[in-house]
Amino acid sequence: MEDKRVSWDEYFMKMAHLVKERTTCIGRSVGAVIVKDKRIISTGYNGAPQGTKHCAEIGGCIRRKMNIPRGERMDICRATHAEQNAIISAARTGTSIEGSVCILQLHHVLHVLKW
């Protein structure tokens, strides 16, 4: 009998796509899934770090309000990268990411980082 399940890569990419739907960034949605031995050990999305207010909660994106071009003045952006938030989430629970991969879903493009 033929196995009609999605591949592991496709499965994790779809999970990253789902994770990015939780973004708190007004300008961009990115999802990250950290995987080790075909197991999801952490997830993250771009946006304000846990426990801090995100742009929608403070009345909008400060960079947009100041008409700052995309990619400039990132020092005043409240958001953190999806992969950073996934690493922080793993660290909070004491989960090692050594030997894992991070699958990033950004604009229907798959990126893979290895640690």
N, C-alpha and C. Protein backbone atom coordinates (compact mmCIF):
# COMPACT_ATOMS: atom_id res chain seq x y z
N MET A 1 0.84 -1.18 0.00
CA MET A 1 0.00 0.00 0.00
C MET A 1 0.89 1.25 0.00
N GLU A 2 0.52 2.23 -0.81
CA GLU A 2 1.30 3.46 -0.96
C GLU A 2 1.12 4.39 0.24
N ASP A 3 2.23 4.96 0.70
CA ASP A 3 2.20 5.93 1.80
C ASP A 3 1.90 7.31 1.22
N LYS A 4 0.74 7.86 1.56
CA LYS A 4 0.31 9.14 0.98
C LYS A 4 0.55 10.31 1.92
N ARG A 5 1.28 10.07 3.01
CA ARG A 5 1.55 11.15 3.95
C ARG A 5 2.52 12.15 3.34
N VAL A 6 2.48 13.37 3.86
CA VAL A 6 3.43 14.39 3.40
C VAL A 6 4.83 13.99 3.89
N SER A 7 5.85 14.49 3.21
CA SER A 7 7.23 14.22 3.64
C SER A 7 7.49 14.96 4.94
N TRP A 8 8.55 14.55 5.65
CA TRP A 8 8.91 15.25 6.88
C TRP A 8 9.20 16.72 6.61
N ASP A 9 9.93 17.00 5.52
CA ASP A 9 10.24 18.40 5.19
C ASP A 9 8.97 19.21 4.98
N GLU A 10 8.03 18.65 4.24
CA GLU A 10 6.79 19.36 3.97
C GLU A 10 5.98 19.54 5.26
N TYR A 11 5.97 18.53 6.10
CA TYR A 11 5.28 18.59 7.38
C TYR A 11 5.81 19.74 8.24
N PHE A 12 7.14 19.82 8.37
CA PHE A 12 7.73 20.86 9.20
C PHE A 12 7.56 22.24 8.56
N MET A 13 7.59 22.31 7.24
CA MET A 13 7.36 23.59 6.58
C MET A 13 5.92 24.07 6.83
N LYS A 14 4.98 23.14 6.75
CA LYS A 14 3.58 23.51 7.02
C LYS A 14 3.41 23.96 8.47
N MET A 15 4.12 23.32 9.38
CA MET A 15 4.05 23.73 10.78
C MET A 15 4.60 25.15 10.94
N ALA A 16 5.72 25.45 10.27
CA ALA A 16 6.30 26.79 10.33
C ALA A 16 5.32 27.81 9.75
N HIS A 17 4.62 27.41 8.70
CA HIS A 17 3.61 28.31 8.10
C HIS A 17 2.49 28.59 9.12
N LEU A 18 2.08 27.58 9.85
CA LEU A 18 1.05 27.75 10.87
C LEU A 18 1.55 28.64 12.01
N VAL A 19 2.79 28.41 12.44
CA VAL A 19 3.38 29.20 13.53
C VAL A 19 3.42 30.67 13.16
N LYS A 20 3.72 30.99 11.90
CA LYS A 20 3.84 32.40 11.52
C LYS A 20 2.52 33.15 11.62
N GLU A 21 1.42 32.43 11.69
CA GLU A 21 0.12 33.08 11.84
C GLU A 21 -0.05 33.72 13.22
N ARG A 22 0.86 33.43 14.16
CA ARG A 22 0.83 34.03 15.49
C ARG A 22 1.67 35.31 15.58
N THR A 23 2.28 35.73 14.48
CA THR A 23 3.16 36.90 14.52
C THR A 23 2.47 38.11 15.11
N THR A 24 3.26 38.93 15.80
CA THR A 24 2.73 40.19 16.30
C THR A 24 3.31 41.36 15.50
N CYS A 25 4.11 41.06 14.48
CA CYS A 25 4.69 42.10 13.64
C CYS A 25 3.66 42.51 12.58
N ILE A 26 3.48 43.80 12.44
CA ILE A 26 2.51 44.32 11.48
C ILE A 26 3.02 44.21 10.04
N GLY A 27 4.34 44.28 9.87
CA GLY A 27 4.91 44.33 8.53
C GLY A 27 5.28 43.02 7.89
N ARG A 28 5.54 41.98 8.68
CA ARG A 28 6.04 40.74 8.10
C ARG A 28 5.68 39.57 9.00
N SER A 29 5.39 38.43 8.38
CA SER A 29 5.06 37.21 9.13
C SER A 29 6.11 36.14 8.84
N VAL A 30 6.75 35.65 9.90
CA VAL A 30 7.75 34.60 9.76
C VAL A 30 7.52 33.58 10.86
N GLY A 31 7.60 32.31 10.50
CA GLY A 31 7.48 31.23 11.48
C GLY A 31 8.73 30.39 11.49
N ALA A 32 9.11 29.89 12.67
CA ALA A 32 10.28 29.04 12.82
C ALA A 32 9.92 27.80 13.62
N VAL A 33 10.45 26.67 13.18
CA VAL A 33 10.27 25.42 13.89
C VAL A 33 11.65 24.80 14.05
N ILE A 34 12.04 24.53 15.29
CA ILE A 34 13.32 23.87 15.55
C ILE A 34 13.03 22.38 15.72
N VAL A 35 13.77 21.58 14.93
CA VAL A 35 13.51 20.15 14.85
C VAL A 35 14.79 19.37 15.14
N LYS A 36 14.64 18.31 15.90
CA LYS A 36 15.77 17.41 16.16
C LYS A 36 15.23 15.98 16.11
N ASP A 37 15.86 15.16 15.31
CA ASP A 37 15.45 13.75 15.17
C ASP A 37 13.96 13.63 14.83
N LYS A 38 13.51 14.45 13.90
CA LYS A 38 12.13 14.46 13.42
C LYS A 38 11.11 14.79 14.51
N ARG A 39 11.54 15.52 15.52
CA ARG A 39 10.67 15.96 16.60
C ARG A 39 10.76 17.48 16.72
N ILE A 40 9.64 18.13 16.87
CA ILE A 40 9.63 19.58 17.07
C ILE A 40 10.00 19.84 18.53
N ILE A 41 11.08 20.61 18.72
CA ILE A 41 11.49 20.90 20.09
C ILE A 41 11.18 22.35 20.49
N SER A 42 10.92 23.20 19.50
CA SER A 42 10.56 24.58 19.81
C SER A 42 9.99 25.26 18.57
N THR A 43 9.21 26.30 18.81
CA THR A 43 8.69 27.12 17.72
C THR A 43 8.83 28.59 18.09
N GLY A 44 8.77 29.45 17.10
CA GLY A 44 8.81 30.88 17.35
C GLY A 44 8.30 31.63 16.14
N TYR A 45 7.85 32.83 16.38
CA TYR A 45 7.42 33.70 15.29
C TYR A 45 7.99 35.08 15.55
N ASN A 46 8.05 35.89 14.50
CA ASN A 46 8.62 37.22 14.68
C ASN A 46 7.61 38.12 15.39
N GLY A 47 8.15 38.94 16.23
CA GLY A 47 7.30 39.85 16.99
C GLY A 47 7.97 40.20 18.30
N ALA A 48 7.26 40.96 19.10
CA ALA A 48 7.80 41.39 20.39
C ALA A 48 8.07 40.17 21.27
N PRO A 49 9.17 40.22 22.02
CA PRO A 49 9.47 39.09 22.92
C PRO A 49 8.35 38.89 23.94
N GLN A 50 8.23 37.66 24.41
CA GLN A 50 7.21 37.32 25.39
C GLN A 50 7.27 38.27 26.58
N GLY A 51 6.11 38.77 26.96
CA GLY A 51 6.03 39.65 28.12
C GLY A 51 6.15 41.13 27.81
N THR A 52 6.43 41.47 26.55
CA THR A 52 6.50 42.88 26.18
C THR A 52 5.36 43.21 25.23
N LYS A 53 4.97 44.45 25.20
CA LYS A 53 3.87 44.86 24.32
C LYS A 53 4.32 44.90 22.88
N HIS A 54 3.45 44.44 21.99
CA HIS A 54 3.77 44.47 20.56
C HIS A 54 3.12 45.69 19.91
N CYS A 55 3.46 45.92 18.67
CA CYS A 55 3.05 47.14 17.97
C CYS A 55 1.55 47.40 18.01
N ALA A 56 0.74 46.38 17.80
CA ALA A 56 -0.71 46.59 17.80
C ALA A 56 -1.20 47.06 19.17
N GLU A 57 -0.50 46.65 20.22
CA GLU A 57 -0.90 47.04 21.57
C GLU A 57 -0.50 48.47 21.94
N ILE A 58 0.46 49.01 21.20
CA ILE A 58 0.91 50.38 21.50
C ILE A 58 0.48 51.38 20.42
N GLY A 59 -0.42 50.96 19.55
CA GLY A 59 -0.97 51.89 18.57
C GLY A 59 -0.32 51.87 17.20
N GLY A 60 0.46 50.85 16.91
CA GLY A 60 1.03 50.72 15.57
C GLY A 60 2.54 50.65 15.57
N CYS A 61 3.07 50.43 14.41
CA CYS A 61 4.52 50.30 14.20
C CYS A 61 5.18 51.68 14.20
N ILE A 62 6.10 51.87 15.12
CA ILE A 62 6.77 53.17 15.23
C ILE A 62 7.57 53.50 13.97
N ARG A 63 8.16 52.48 13.34
CA ARG A 63 8.94 52.72 12.12
C ARG A 63 8.04 53.19 10.99
N ARG A 64 6.85 52.61 10.90
CA ARG A 64 5.90 53.05 9.87
C ARG A 64 5.41 54.47 10.15
N LYS A 65 5.14 54.76 11.40
CA LYS A 65 4.68 56.11 11.76
C LYS A 65 5.71 57.17 11.41
N MET A 66 6.99 56.80 11.50
CA MET A 66 8.07 57.74 11.21
C MET A 66 8.50 57.68 9.73
N ASN A 67 7.77 56.89 8.91
CA ASN A 67 8.08 56.73 7.48
C ASN A 67 9.52 56.27 7.24
N ILE A 68 10.00 55.37 8.06
CA ILE A 68 11.35 54.83 7.90
C ILE A 68 11.31 53.73 6.86
N PRO A 69 12.17 53.78 5.85
CA PRO A 69 12.18 52.74 4.81
C PRO A 69 12.43 51.36 5.39
N ARG A 70 11.85 50.37 4.75
CA ARG A 70 11.99 48.98 5.16
C ARG A 70 13.48 48.62 5.26
N GLY A 71 13.85 47.95 6.34
CA GLY A 71 15.22 47.51 6.52
C GLY A 71 16.13 48.52 7.21
N GLU A 72 15.64 49.71 7.46
CA GLU A 72 16.45 50.74 8.13
C GLU A 72 15.95 50.95 9.55
N ARG A 73 16.86 51.42 10.40
CA ARG A 73 16.56 51.75 11.80
C ARG A 73 15.92 50.58 12.55
N MET A 74 16.46 49.40 12.34
CA MET A 74 15.92 48.22 13.02
C MET A 74 16.13 48.29 14.53
N ASP A 75 16.99 49.20 14.97
CA ASP A 75 17.26 49.36 16.40
C ASP A 75 16.04 49.84 17.18
N ILE A 76 15.06 50.43 16.49
CA ILE A 76 13.87 50.88 17.21
C ILE A 76 12.68 49.94 17.00
N CYS A 77 12.89 48.87 16.28
CA CYS A 77 11.83 47.88 16.04
C CYS A 77 11.60 47.05 17.29
N ARG A 78 10.35 46.84 17.65
CA ARG A 78 10.00 46.05 18.84
C ARG A 78 10.12 44.55 18.59
N ALA A 79 10.17 44.14 17.35
CA ALA A 79 10.13 42.71 17.01
C ALA A 79 11.50 42.04 17.11
N THR A 80 11.44 40.75 17.39
CA THR A 80 12.62 39.89 17.35
C THR A 80 12.36 38.86 16.25
N HIS A 81 13.43 38.32 15.69
CA HIS A 81 13.31 37.32 14.63
C HIS A 81 12.62 36.06 15.15
N ALA A 82 11.96 35.36 14.25
CA ALA A 82 11.27 34.12 14.60
C ALA A 82 12.24 33.08 15.16
N GLU A 83 13.40 32.95 14.52
CA GLU A 83 14.37 31.95 15.00
C GLU A 83 14.92 32.33 16.37
N GLN A 84 15.06 33.63 16.64
CA GLN A 84 15.51 34.06 17.96
C GLN A 84 14.47 33.69 19.02
N ASN A 85 13.20 33.93 18.71
CA ASN A 85 12.15 33.60 19.66
C ASN A 85 12.05 32.08 19.88
N ALA A 86 12.32 31.30 18.84
CA ALA A 86 12.30 29.83 19.00
C ALA A 86 13.46 29.38 19.89
N ILE A 87 14.63 29.98 19.71
CA ILE A 87 15.79 29.65 20.55
C ILE A 87 15.51 30.04 22.00
N ILE A 88 14.97 31.24 22.21
CA ILE A 88 14.64 31.70 23.55
C ILE A 88 13.62 30.76 24.21
N SER A 89 12.64 30.33 23.44
CA SER A 89 11.62 29.42 23.96
C SER A 89 12.24 28.09 24.39
N ALA A 90 13.16 27.57 23.59
CA ALA A 90 13.84 26.33 23.96
C ALA A 90 14.67 26.54 25.22
N ALA A 91 15.35 27.66 25.31
CA ALA A 91 16.20 27.95 26.46
C ALA A 91 15.37 28.06 27.75
N ARG A 92 14.19 28.63 27.64
CA ARG A 92 13.32 28.79 28.82
C ARG A 92 12.97 27.45 29.46
N THR A 93 12.89 26.42 28.62
CA THR A 93 12.54 25.10 29.14
C THR A 93 13.77 24.21 29.35
N GLY A 94 14.95 24.78 29.11
CA GLY A 94 16.18 24.01 29.28
C GLY A 94 16.43 23.00 28.19
N THR A 95 15.83 23.21 27.02
CA THR A 95 15.96 22.28 25.90
C THR A 95 17.14 22.66 25.02
N SER A 96 18.08 21.75 24.85
CA SER A 96 19.24 22.00 24.01
C SER A 96 18.83 21.96 22.54
N ILE A 97 19.40 22.88 21.76
CA ILE A 97 19.14 22.87 20.32
C ILE A 97 20.34 22.33 19.55
N GLU A 98 21.35 21.86 20.27
CA GLU A 98 22.54 21.31 19.61
C GLU A 98 22.15 20.13 18.73
N GLY A 99 22.63 20.13 17.49
CA GLY A 99 22.33 19.06 16.55
C GLY A 99 20.96 19.17 15.89
N SER A 100 20.29 20.30 16.09
CA SER A 100 18.96 20.48 15.52
C SER A 100 19.01 21.31 14.25
N VAL A 101 17.88 21.42 13.59
CA VAL A 101 17.74 22.31 12.43
C VAL A 101 16.57 23.24 12.71
N CYS A 102 16.63 24.42 12.12
CA CYS A 102 15.54 25.39 12.25
C CYS A 102 14.97 25.62 10.86
N ILE A 103 13.69 25.37 10.73
CA ILE A 103 12.99 25.59 9.46
C ILE A 103 12.25 26.91 9.58
N LEU A 104 12.56 27.82 8.66
CA LEU A 104 11.93 29.14 8.64
C LEU A 104 10.99 29.24 7.46
N GLN A 105 9.81 29.76 7.67
CA GLN A 105 8.86 29.96 6.60
C GLN A 105 8.65 31.46 6.43
N LEU A 106 9.10 31.97 5.29
CA LEU A 106 9.03 33.39 4.99
C LEU A 106 8.61 33.57 3.55
N HIS A 107 7.48 34.17 3.32
CA HIS A 107 6.98 34.44 1.94
C HIS A 107 7.01 33.19 1.07
N HIS A 108 6.53 32.08 1.57
CA HIS A 108 6.45 30.82 0.84
C HIS A 108 7.82 30.28 0.43
N VAL A 109 8.86 30.70 1.15
CA VAL A 109 10.22 30.22 0.88
C VAL A 109 10.68 29.49 2.14
N LEU A 110 11.30 28.34 1.95
CA LEU A 110 11.80 27.56 3.06
C LEU A 110 13.28 27.83 3.25
N HIS A 111 13.66 28.16 4.47
CA HIS A 111 15.06 28.33 4.83
C HIS A 111 15.37 27.34 5.94
N VAL A 112 16.56 26.74 5.90
CA VAL A 112 16.93 25.78 6.93
C VAL A 112 18.27 26.21 7.54
N LEU A 113 18.30 26.33 8.86
CA LEU A 113 19.52 26.63 9.60
C LEU A 113 19.90 25.40 10.40
N LYS A 114 21.20 25.11 10.50
CA LYS A 114 21.65 23.95 11.28
C LYS A 114 22.53 24.41 12.41
N TRP A 115 22.34 23.76 13.60
CA TRP A 115 23.19 24.04 14.75
C TRP A 115 23.94 22.80 15.14
